[in-house]
Amino acid sequence: MPHGSRITMEEKGQMAARSPEPYLPKRGPVDGTVCKGCGIVYHNKRWQIEGASSAAPKGDVLCPACQRIVGQDPAGVVTLSGAYLAQHREEILNMVKQQETKHREKNPLGRIMEIREEDGGIIVTTTEDKLAQKIGRELYKSQRGELHYKWSHEQRMVRVEWSR
């Protein structure tokens, strides 16, 4: 999809190819490693919530999501704007948070880093590009409006702009 293009229901499946995650080392941590930031566990070559427990000793390793949070390096930036947003702010923020919850069940590395208000709009930063895309897509499906994606492949990042 070209940079800055508008998504329509026919185009919704045409997302950018997954770029390599810069925070994932070529060789993963030892199986059973616990993230010292959030407590998720590295098991079977992926970070998982299953098996994580507050009683497990936390290692000296940060998962890729925690590394992004500490480094303030989002993989997705979702900008919400428009008069409709002001009228439906709570409903829209609840939907954004629900998308994160649903996404984390499948991938615990996809998290909202920050939600802040800026210039009458709302900016949501995420640790994963797919979560940012999902938030935009679900907003468009449920609330309509205009939706634009802008990929920066050099920075491995997506900007999602929704307005109504």
N, C-alpha and C. Protein backbone atom coordinates (compact mmCIF):
# COMPACT_ATOMS: atom_id res chain seq x y z
N MET A 1 0.87 -1.16 0.00
CA MET A 1 0.00 0.00 0.00
C MET A 1 0.92 1.23 0.00
N PRO A 2 0.68 2.21 -0.86
CA PRO A 2 1.54 3.39 -0.91
C PRO A 2 1.49 4.18 0.39
N HIS A 3 2.58 4.91 0.65
CA HIS A 3 2.62 5.74 1.85
C HIS A 3 1.47 6.74 1.84
N GLY A 4 0.83 6.92 2.99
CA GLY A 4 -0.21 7.92 3.14
C GLY A 4 -1.53 7.53 2.50
N SER A 5 -1.70 6.28 2.12
CA SER A 5 -2.94 5.90 1.45
C SER A 5 -4.06 5.73 2.47
N ARG A 6 -5.26 5.83 1.98
CA ARG A 6 -6.44 5.70 2.83
C ARG A 6 -6.91 4.26 2.77
N ILE A 7 -7.25 3.71 3.91
CA ILE A 7 -7.72 2.34 3.94
C ILE A 7 -9.21 2.31 3.63
N THR A 8 -9.62 1.33 2.89
CA THR A 8 -11.05 1.06 2.69
C THR A 8 -11.25 -0.39 3.07
N MET A 9 -12.48 -0.80 3.17
CA MET A 9 -12.73 -2.17 3.60
C MET A 9 -12.11 -3.17 2.62
N GLU A 10 -12.02 -2.84 1.33
CA GLU A 10 -11.41 -3.74 0.36
C GLU A 10 -9.90 -3.86 0.56
N GLU A 11 -9.26 -2.82 1.09
CA GLU A 11 -7.82 -2.80 1.22
C GLU A 11 -7.34 -3.29 2.58
N LYS A 12 -8.23 -3.63 3.48
CA LYS A 12 -7.82 -3.86 4.86
C LYS A 12 -6.81 -4.98 5.04
N GLY A 13 -6.72 -5.92 4.11
CA GLY A 13 -5.77 -7.02 4.26
C GLY A 13 -4.40 -6.72 3.70
N GLN A 14 -4.20 -5.57 3.10
CA GLN A 14 -2.93 -5.27 2.44
C GLN A 14 -2.01 -4.48 3.36
N MET A 15 -1.44 -5.14 4.32
CA MET A 15 -0.55 -4.48 5.27
C MET A 15 0.90 -4.72 4.86
N ALA A 16 1.77 -3.96 5.43
CA ALA A 16 3.20 -4.09 5.13
C ALA A 16 3.72 -5.43 5.63
N ALA A 17 4.72 -5.95 4.94
CA ALA A 17 5.36 -7.17 5.39
C ALA A 17 6.00 -6.92 6.75
N ARG A 18 5.96 -7.93 7.59
CA ARG A 18 6.53 -7.78 8.93
C ARG A 18 8.03 -7.55 8.83
N SER A 19 8.48 -6.46 9.45
CA SER A 19 9.90 -6.16 9.44
C SER A 19 10.54 -6.80 10.67
N PRO A 20 11.82 -7.13 10.59
CA PRO A 20 12.46 -7.75 11.75
C PRO A 20 12.44 -6.81 12.96
N GLU A 21 12.19 -7.36 14.11
CA GLU A 21 12.14 -6.58 15.35
C GLU A 21 13.56 -6.27 15.80
N PRO A 22 13.94 -5.00 15.88
CA PRO A 22 15.31 -4.67 16.25
C PRO A 22 15.66 -5.03 17.69
N TYR A 23 14.67 -5.25 18.53
CA TYR A 23 14.94 -5.56 19.92
C TYR A 23 15.00 -7.06 20.20
N LEU A 24 14.81 -7.87 19.15
CA LEU A 24 14.95 -9.31 19.32
C LEU A 24 16.36 -9.71 18.90
N PRO A 25 17.14 -10.26 19.81
CA PRO A 25 18.48 -10.69 19.42
C PRO A 25 18.40 -11.87 18.46
N LYS A 26 19.46 -12.06 17.68
CA LYS A 26 19.47 -13.16 16.72
C LYS A 26 19.27 -14.50 17.44
N ARG A 27 19.87 -14.62 18.60
CA ARG A 27 19.66 -15.81 19.43
C ARG A 27 18.88 -15.38 20.66
N GLY A 28 17.78 -16.05 20.92
CA GLY A 28 16.93 -15.67 22.04
C GLY A 28 17.57 -15.98 23.37
N PRO A 29 16.98 -15.48 24.43
CA PRO A 29 17.48 -15.79 25.77
C PRO A 29 17.27 -17.27 26.10
N VAL A 30 17.81 -17.68 27.20
CA VAL A 30 17.66 -19.06 27.66
C VAL A 30 16.19 -19.33 27.95
N ASP A 31 15.73 -20.52 27.58
CA ASP A 31 14.35 -20.92 27.84
C ASP A 31 14.06 -20.78 29.33
N GLY A 32 12.93 -20.16 29.66
CA GLY A 32 12.55 -19.96 31.06
C GLY A 32 12.96 -18.60 31.61
N THR A 33 13.64 -17.79 30.80
CA THR A 33 14.04 -16.45 31.24
C THR A 33 12.80 -15.61 31.51
N VAL A 34 12.81 -14.89 32.61
CA VAL A 34 11.69 -14.04 33.00
C VAL A 34 12.11 -12.58 32.80
N CYS A 35 11.27 -11.78 32.15
CA CYS A 35 11.55 -10.36 31.94
C CYS A 35 11.52 -9.64 33.28
N LYS A 36 12.58 -8.87 33.57
CA LYS A 36 12.62 -8.16 34.84
C LYS A 36 11.67 -6.97 34.86
N GLY A 37 11.16 -6.56 33.68
CA GLY A 37 10.24 -5.43 33.63
C GLY A 37 8.79 -5.80 33.85
N CYS A 38 8.34 -6.84 33.14
CA CYS A 38 6.90 -7.16 33.18
C CYS A 38 6.59 -8.57 33.65
N GLY A 39 7.60 -9.43 33.72
CA GLY A 39 7.38 -10.77 34.25
C GLY A 39 6.94 -11.82 33.25
N ILE A 40 6.88 -11.49 31.94
CA ILE A 40 6.54 -12.53 30.98
C ILE A 40 7.75 -13.46 30.83
N VAL A 41 7.50 -14.67 30.28
CA VAL A 41 8.52 -15.71 30.23
C VAL A 41 8.89 -16.04 28.79
N TYR A 42 10.19 -16.22 28.54
CA TYR A 42 10.66 -16.68 27.24
C TYR A 42 10.64 -18.20 27.25
N HIS A 43 9.79 -18.79 26.40
CA HIS A 43 9.62 -20.24 26.37
C HIS A 43 9.30 -20.67 24.94
N ASN A 44 9.93 -21.75 24.50
CA ASN A 44 9.73 -22.27 23.13
C ASN A 44 9.96 -21.19 22.08
N LYS A 45 11.02 -20.43 22.25
CA LYS A 45 11.47 -19.41 21.30
C LYS A 45 10.53 -18.22 21.13
N ARG A 46 9.71 -17.96 22.16
CA ARG A 46 8.86 -16.76 22.12
C ARG A 46 8.51 -16.31 23.53
N TRP A 47 8.20 -15.02 23.63
CA TRP A 47 7.79 -14.46 24.92
C TRP A 47 6.33 -14.78 25.14
N GLN A 48 5.98 -15.27 26.33
CA GLN A 48 4.63 -15.74 26.61
C GLN A 48 4.17 -15.29 27.99
N ILE A 49 2.86 -15.17 28.11
CA ILE A 49 2.27 -14.87 29.41
C ILE A 49 2.11 -16.17 30.20
N GLU A 50 1.77 -17.27 29.49
CA GLU A 50 1.61 -18.56 30.18
C GLU A 50 2.90 -18.92 30.88
N GLY A 51 2.76 -19.38 32.08
CA GLY A 51 3.93 -19.78 32.84
C GLY A 51 4.52 -18.63 33.63
N ALA A 52 4.10 -17.39 33.34
CA ALA A 52 4.61 -16.25 34.10
C ALA A 52 3.93 -16.24 35.46
N SER A 53 4.71 -15.99 36.47
CA SER A 53 4.13 -15.88 37.81
C SER A 53 4.92 -14.86 38.59
N SER A 54 4.25 -14.21 39.49
CA SER A 54 4.93 -13.19 40.29
C SER A 54 5.95 -13.82 41.23
N ALA A 55 5.82 -15.13 41.49
CA ALA A 55 6.76 -15.80 42.38
C ALA A 55 8.06 -16.20 41.66
N ALA A 56 8.01 -16.26 40.32
CA ALA A 56 9.19 -16.66 39.56
C ALA A 56 10.28 -15.60 39.71
N PRO A 57 11.51 -16.03 39.87
CA PRO A 57 12.59 -15.04 39.99
C PRO A 57 12.78 -14.31 38.67
N LYS A 58 12.82 -12.99 38.74
CA LYS A 58 12.99 -12.20 37.54
C LYS A 58 14.47 -12.19 37.17
N GLY A 59 14.73 -12.37 35.88
CA GLY A 59 16.11 -12.39 35.40
C GLY A 59 16.66 -10.97 35.29
N ASP A 60 17.75 -10.86 34.57
CA ASP A 60 18.37 -9.56 34.35
C ASP A 60 18.16 -9.15 32.89
N VAL A 61 17.05 -9.61 32.31
CA VAL A 61 16.76 -9.39 30.89
C VAL A 61 15.44 -8.64 30.75
N LEU A 62 15.40 -7.72 29.79
CA LEU A 62 14.14 -7.05 29.45
C LEU A 62 13.63 -7.63 28.14
N CYS A 63 12.33 -7.91 28.07
CA CYS A 63 11.74 -8.37 26.81
C CYS A 63 11.78 -7.20 25.81
N PRO A 64 11.57 -7.48 24.52
CA PRO A 64 11.60 -6.41 23.52
C PRO A 64 10.62 -5.28 23.80
N ALA A 65 9.43 -5.59 24.33
CA ALA A 65 8.45 -4.53 24.62
C ALA A 65 8.96 -3.61 25.73
N CYS A 66 9.50 -4.19 26.79
CA CYS A 66 10.03 -3.38 27.88
C CYS A 66 11.23 -2.55 27.41
N GLN A 67 12.04 -3.12 26.50
CA GLN A 67 13.17 -2.36 25.95
C GLN A 67 12.67 -1.14 25.18
N ARG A 68 11.60 -1.31 24.41
CA ARG A 68 11.02 -0.17 23.67
C ARG A 68 10.48 0.88 24.63
N ILE A 69 9.83 0.44 25.71
CA ILE A 69 9.26 1.36 26.69
C ILE A 69 10.36 2.15 27.37
N VAL A 70 11.40 1.46 27.83
CA VAL A 70 12.52 2.13 28.50
C VAL A 70 13.22 3.10 27.54
N GLY A 71 13.39 2.68 26.30
CA GLY A 71 14.07 3.52 25.31
C GLY A 71 13.18 4.56 24.66
N GLN A 72 11.90 4.58 25.04
CA GLN A 72 10.91 5.50 24.45
C GLN A 72 10.99 5.45 22.92
N ASP A 73 10.93 4.23 22.38
CA ASP A 73 11.09 3.97 20.96
C ASP A 73 9.87 3.21 20.43
N PRO A 74 8.75 3.89 20.18
CA PRO A 74 7.55 3.18 19.74
C PRO A 74 7.69 2.59 18.34
N ALA A 75 6.99 1.47 18.12
CA ALA A 75 6.91 0.86 16.79
C ALA A 75 5.65 1.33 16.08
N GLY A 76 4.73 1.95 16.83
CA GLY A 76 3.49 2.47 16.25
C GLY A 76 3.06 3.74 16.96
N VAL A 77 2.58 4.69 16.17
CA VAL A 77 2.02 5.92 16.72
C VAL A 77 0.65 6.11 16.08
N VAL A 78 -0.38 6.13 16.91
CA VAL A 78 -1.75 6.30 16.43
C VAL A 78 -2.20 7.70 16.85
N THR A 79 -2.59 8.50 15.87
CA THR A 79 -3.07 9.86 16.13
C THR A 79 -4.57 9.89 15.88
N LEU A 80 -5.33 10.29 16.89
CA LEU A 80 -6.79 10.38 16.80
C LEU A 80 -7.17 11.85 16.84
N SER A 81 -8.05 12.28 15.93
CA SER A 81 -8.43 13.69 15.91
C SER A 81 -9.84 13.86 15.35
N GLY A 82 -10.36 15.07 15.51
CA GLY A 82 -11.66 15.42 14.95
C GLY A 82 -12.69 15.75 15.99
N ALA A 83 -13.75 16.43 15.56
CA ALA A 83 -14.84 16.84 16.45
C ALA A 83 -15.55 15.61 17.04
N TYR A 84 -15.69 14.56 16.25
CA TYR A 84 -16.35 13.33 16.72
C TYR A 84 -15.58 12.74 17.91
N LEU A 85 -14.26 12.79 17.82
CA LEU A 85 -13.42 12.28 18.91
C LEU A 85 -13.75 12.98 20.22
N ALA A 86 -13.87 14.30 20.17
CA ALA A 86 -14.16 15.07 21.39
C ALA A 86 -15.51 14.65 21.99
N GLN A 87 -16.48 14.34 21.14
CA GLN A 87 -17.82 13.96 21.62
C GLN A 87 -17.87 12.53 22.13
N HIS A 88 -16.97 11.67 21.66
CA HIS A 88 -17.01 10.24 22.00
C HIS A 88 -15.70 9.77 22.62
N ARG A 89 -15.02 10.66 23.29
CA ARG A 89 -13.68 10.41 23.82
C ARG A 89 -13.59 9.14 24.67
N GLU A 90 -14.43 9.01 25.68
CA GLU A 90 -14.37 7.85 26.60
C GLU A 90 -14.63 6.54 25.87
N GLU A 91 -15.64 6.53 25.01
CA GLU A 91 -15.97 5.33 24.24
C GLU A 91 -14.78 4.91 23.38
N ILE A 92 -14.15 5.86 22.72
CA ILE A 92 -13.02 5.57 21.84
C ILE A 92 -11.81 5.10 22.64
N LEU A 93 -11.53 5.76 23.76
CA LEU A 93 -10.40 5.32 24.61
C LEU A 93 -10.64 3.91 25.15
N ASN A 94 -11.86 3.60 25.53
CA ASN A 94 -12.17 2.24 25.98
C ASN A 94 -11.93 1.23 24.88
N MET A 95 -12.32 1.56 23.64
CA MET A 95 -12.09 0.65 22.52
C MET A 95 -10.60 0.43 22.28
N VAL A 96 -9.80 1.51 22.38
CA VAL A 96 -8.35 1.41 22.20
C VAL A 96 -7.77 0.46 23.24
N LYS A 97 -8.16 0.61 24.48
CA LYS A 97 -7.65 -0.24 25.57
C LYS A 97 -8.10 -1.69 25.40
N GLN A 98 -9.34 -1.89 24.91
CA GLN A 98 -9.83 -3.25 24.67
C GLN A 98 -9.02 -3.94 23.57
N GLN A 99 -8.62 -3.18 22.56
CA GLN A 99 -7.82 -3.76 21.48
C GLN A 99 -6.47 -4.22 22.02
N GLU A 100 -5.88 -3.43 22.91
CA GLU A 100 -4.61 -3.85 23.52
C GLU A 100 -4.80 -5.15 24.30
N THR A 101 -5.85 -5.23 25.10
CA THR A 101 -6.11 -6.43 25.90
C THR A 101 -6.27 -7.65 25.01
N LYS A 102 -7.06 -7.54 23.95
CA LYS A 102 -7.27 -8.65 23.03
C LYS A 102 -5.97 -9.04 22.33
N HIS A 103 -5.20 -8.04 21.91
CA HIS A 103 -3.95 -8.29 21.19
C HIS A 103 -2.92 -8.98 22.10
N ARG A 104 -2.85 -8.58 23.35
CA ARG A 104 -1.87 -9.16 24.29
C ARG A 104 -2.13 -10.62 24.58
N GLU A 105 -3.38 -11.08 24.42
CA GLU A 105 -3.67 -12.50 24.61
C GLU A 105 -2.90 -13.34 23.59
N LYS A 106 -2.73 -12.81 22.38
CA LYS A 106 -2.00 -13.50 21.32
C LYS A 106 -0.52 -13.17 21.35
N ASN A 107 -0.19 -11.92 21.66
CA ASN A 107 1.19 -11.48 21.63
C ASN A 107 1.46 -10.52 22.79
N PRO A 108 2.09 -11.00 23.86
CA PRO A 108 2.32 -10.14 25.02
C PRO A 108 3.32 -9.01 24.76
N LEU A 109 3.96 -9.01 23.60
CA LEU A 109 4.90 -7.92 23.28
C LEU A 109 4.19 -6.71 22.68
N GLY A 110 2.92 -6.84 22.32
CA GLY A 110 2.15 -5.73 21.78
C GLY A 110 1.46 -4.97 22.90
N ARG A 111 1.97 -3.78 23.23
CA ARG A 111 1.43 -3.02 24.35
C ARG A 111 1.29 -1.55 24.00
N ILE A 112 0.39 -0.90 24.72
CA ILE A 112 0.30 0.55 24.63
C ILE A 112 1.39 1.10 25.55
N MET A 113 2.22 1.98 25.02
CA MET A 113 3.27 2.61 25.80
C MET A 113 2.73 3.82 26.54
N GLU A 114 1.94 4.64 25.81
CA GLU A 114 1.45 5.89 26.38
C GLU A 114 0.20 6.34 25.62
N ILE A 115 -0.71 6.97 26.35
CA ILE A 115 -1.85 7.64 25.75
C ILE A 115 -1.78 9.07 26.27
N ARG A 116 -1.67 10.04 25.36
CA ARG A 116 -1.59 11.43 25.81
C ARG A 116 -2.44 12.32 24.91
N GLU A 117 -2.91 13.41 25.49
CA GLU A 117 -3.69 14.37 24.73
C GLU A 117 -2.74 15.44 24.21
N GLU A 118 -2.97 15.82 22.95
CA GLU A 118 -2.10 16.81 22.32
C GLU A 118 -2.87 17.55 21.23
N ASP A 119 -2.88 18.86 21.30
CA ASP A 119 -3.54 19.71 20.29
C ASP A 119 -4.98 19.29 20.01
N GLY A 120 -5.74 18.97 21.05
CA GLY A 120 -7.14 18.60 20.88
C GLY A 120 -7.35 17.18 20.41
N GLY A 121 -6.27 16.44 20.17
CA GLY A 121 -6.37 15.05 19.75
C GLY A 121 -5.76 14.13 20.79
N ILE A 122 -5.66 12.87 20.43
CA ILE A 122 -5.08 11.87 21.32
C ILE A 122 -3.99 11.14 20.55
N ILE A 123 -2.85 10.93 21.20
CA ILE A 123 -1.73 10.19 20.61
C ILE A 123 -1.54 8.92 21.43
N VAL A 124 -1.54 7.78 20.74
CA VAL A 124 -1.33 6.49 21.39
C VAL A 124 -0.05 5.90 20.79
N THR A 125 0.93 5.58 21.64
CA THR A 125 2.15 4.94 21.15
C THR A 125 2.12 3.48 21.57
N THR A 126 2.64 2.61 20.68
CA THR A 126 2.61 1.17 20.92
C THR A 126 3.99 0.56 20.74
N THR A 127 4.19 -0.60 21.35
CA THR A 127 5.46 -1.30 21.24
C THR A 127 5.54 -2.16 19.99
N GLU A 128 4.44 -2.27 19.26
CA GLU A 128 4.40 -3.13 18.09
C GLU A 128 3.59 -2.47 16.99
N ASP A 129 4.06 -2.55 15.75
CA ASP A 129 3.36 -1.93 14.63
C ASP A 129 2.00 -2.57 14.38
N LYS A 130 1.90 -3.88 14.56
CA LYS A 130 0.63 -4.57 14.29
C LYS A 130 -0.47 -4.10 15.24
N LEU A 131 -0.12 -3.80 16.49
CA LEU A 131 -1.12 -3.30 17.43
C LEU A 131 -1.62 -1.93 16.99
N ALA A 132 -0.73 -1.06 16.54
CA ALA A 132 -1.14 0.27 16.06
C ALA A 132 -2.09 0.13 14.87
N GLN A 133 -1.76 -0.77 13.94
CA GLN A 133 -2.62 -0.99 12.78
C GLN A 133 -3.98 -1.52 13.21
N LYS A 134 -3.99 -2.44 14.17
CA LYS A 134 -5.24 -3.03 14.66
C LYS A 134 -6.13 -1.98 15.31
N ILE A 135 -5.54 -1.10 16.10
CA ILE A 135 -6.31 -0.03 16.74
C ILE A 135 -6.97 0.84 15.68
N GLY A 136 -6.21 1.25 14.68
CA GLY A 136 -6.77 2.08 13.60
C GLY A 136 -7.86 1.36 12.83
N ARG A 137 -7.61 0.10 12.49
CA ARG A 137 -8.58 -0.68 11.71
C ARG A 137 -9.89 -0.85 12.48
N GLU A 138 -9.79 -1.16 13.78
CA GLU A 138 -11.01 -1.36 14.58
C GLU A 138 -11.77 -0.06 14.78
N LEU A 139 -11.05 1.05 14.94
CA LEU A 139 -11.71 2.36 15.04
C LEU A 139 -12.47 2.65 13.75
N TYR A 140 -11.83 2.41 12.63
CA TYR A 140 -12.47 2.67 11.34
C TYR A 140 -13.71 1.79 11.16
N LYS A 141 -13.61 0.51 11.53
CA LYS A 141 -14.74 -0.41 11.38
C LYS A 141 -15.92 -0.01 12.26
N SER A 142 -15.63 0.43 13.49
CA SER A 142 -16.72 0.71 14.42
C SER A 142 -17.21 2.16 14.37
N GLN A 143 -16.32 3.09 14.03
CA GLN A 143 -16.69 4.51 14.11
C GLN A 143 -16.65 5.23 12.75
N ARG A 144 -16.18 4.54 11.72
CA ARG A 144 -15.98 5.14 10.39
C ARG A 144 -14.93 6.25 10.45
N GLY A 145 -15.08 7.28 9.65
CA GLY A 145 -14.09 8.35 9.62
C GLY A 145 -13.07 8.11 8.53
N GLU A 146 -11.90 8.71 8.68
CA GLU A 146 -10.80 8.54 7.72
C GLU A 146 -9.64 7.87 8.42
N LEU A 147 -8.99 6.95 7.71
CA LEU A 147 -7.87 6.21 8.27
C LEU A 147 -6.72 6.20 7.28
N HIS A 148 -5.54 6.58 7.74
CA HIS A 148 -4.34 6.59 6.88
C HIS A 148 -3.20 5.89 7.60
N TYR A 149 -2.43 5.12 6.85
CA TYR A 149 -1.22 4.47 7.37
C TYR A 149 -0.01 5.09 6.68
N LYS A 150 1.05 5.29 7.43
CA LYS A 150 2.33 5.74 6.87
C LYS A 150 3.42 4.88 7.48
N TRP A 151 4.06 4.07 6.62
CA TRP A 151 5.12 3.20 7.09
C TRP A 151 6.47 3.85 6.91
N SER A 152 7.32 3.72 7.90
CA SER A 152 8.70 4.16 7.81
C SER A 152 9.54 2.90 7.97
N HIS A 153 9.89 2.27 6.85
CA HIS A 153 10.59 1.00 6.90
C HIS A 153 11.99 1.15 7.49
N GLU A 154 12.62 2.32 7.27
CA GLU A 154 13.96 2.53 7.82
C GLU A 154 13.92 2.51 9.34
N GLN A 155 12.87 3.07 9.92
CA GLN A 155 12.75 3.13 11.38
C GLN A 155 11.91 1.99 11.94
N ARG A 156 11.42 1.11 11.07
CA ARG A 156 10.56 -0.01 11.47
C ARG A 156 9.39 0.49 12.32
N MET A 157 8.64 1.40 11.72
CA MET A 157 7.57 2.06 12.47
C MET A 157 6.38 2.35 11.55
N VAL A 158 5.19 2.40 12.14
CA VAL A 158 4.01 2.79 11.38
C VAL A 158 3.33 3.95 12.13
N ARG A 159 2.85 4.91 11.34
CA ARG A 159 2.03 5.99 11.87
C ARG A 159 0.62 5.77 11.35
N VAL A 160 -0.34 5.76 12.26
CA VAL A 160 -1.74 5.54 11.91
C VAL A 160 -2.48 6.81 12.30
N GLU A 161 -3.20 7.37 11.33
CA GLU A 161 -3.96 8.59 11.60
C GLU A 161 -5.43 8.33 11.35
N TRP A 162 -6.24 8.54 12.39
CA TRP A 162 -7.69 8.38 12.29
C TRP A 162 -8.32 9.72 12.66
N SER A 163 -9.31 10.10 11.87
CA SER A 163 -10.04 11.34 12.19
C SER A 163 -11.49 11.20 11.79
N ARG A 164 -12.30 11.92 12.53
CA ARG A 164 -13.73 12.02 12.20
C ARG A 164 -14.31 13.19 12.95
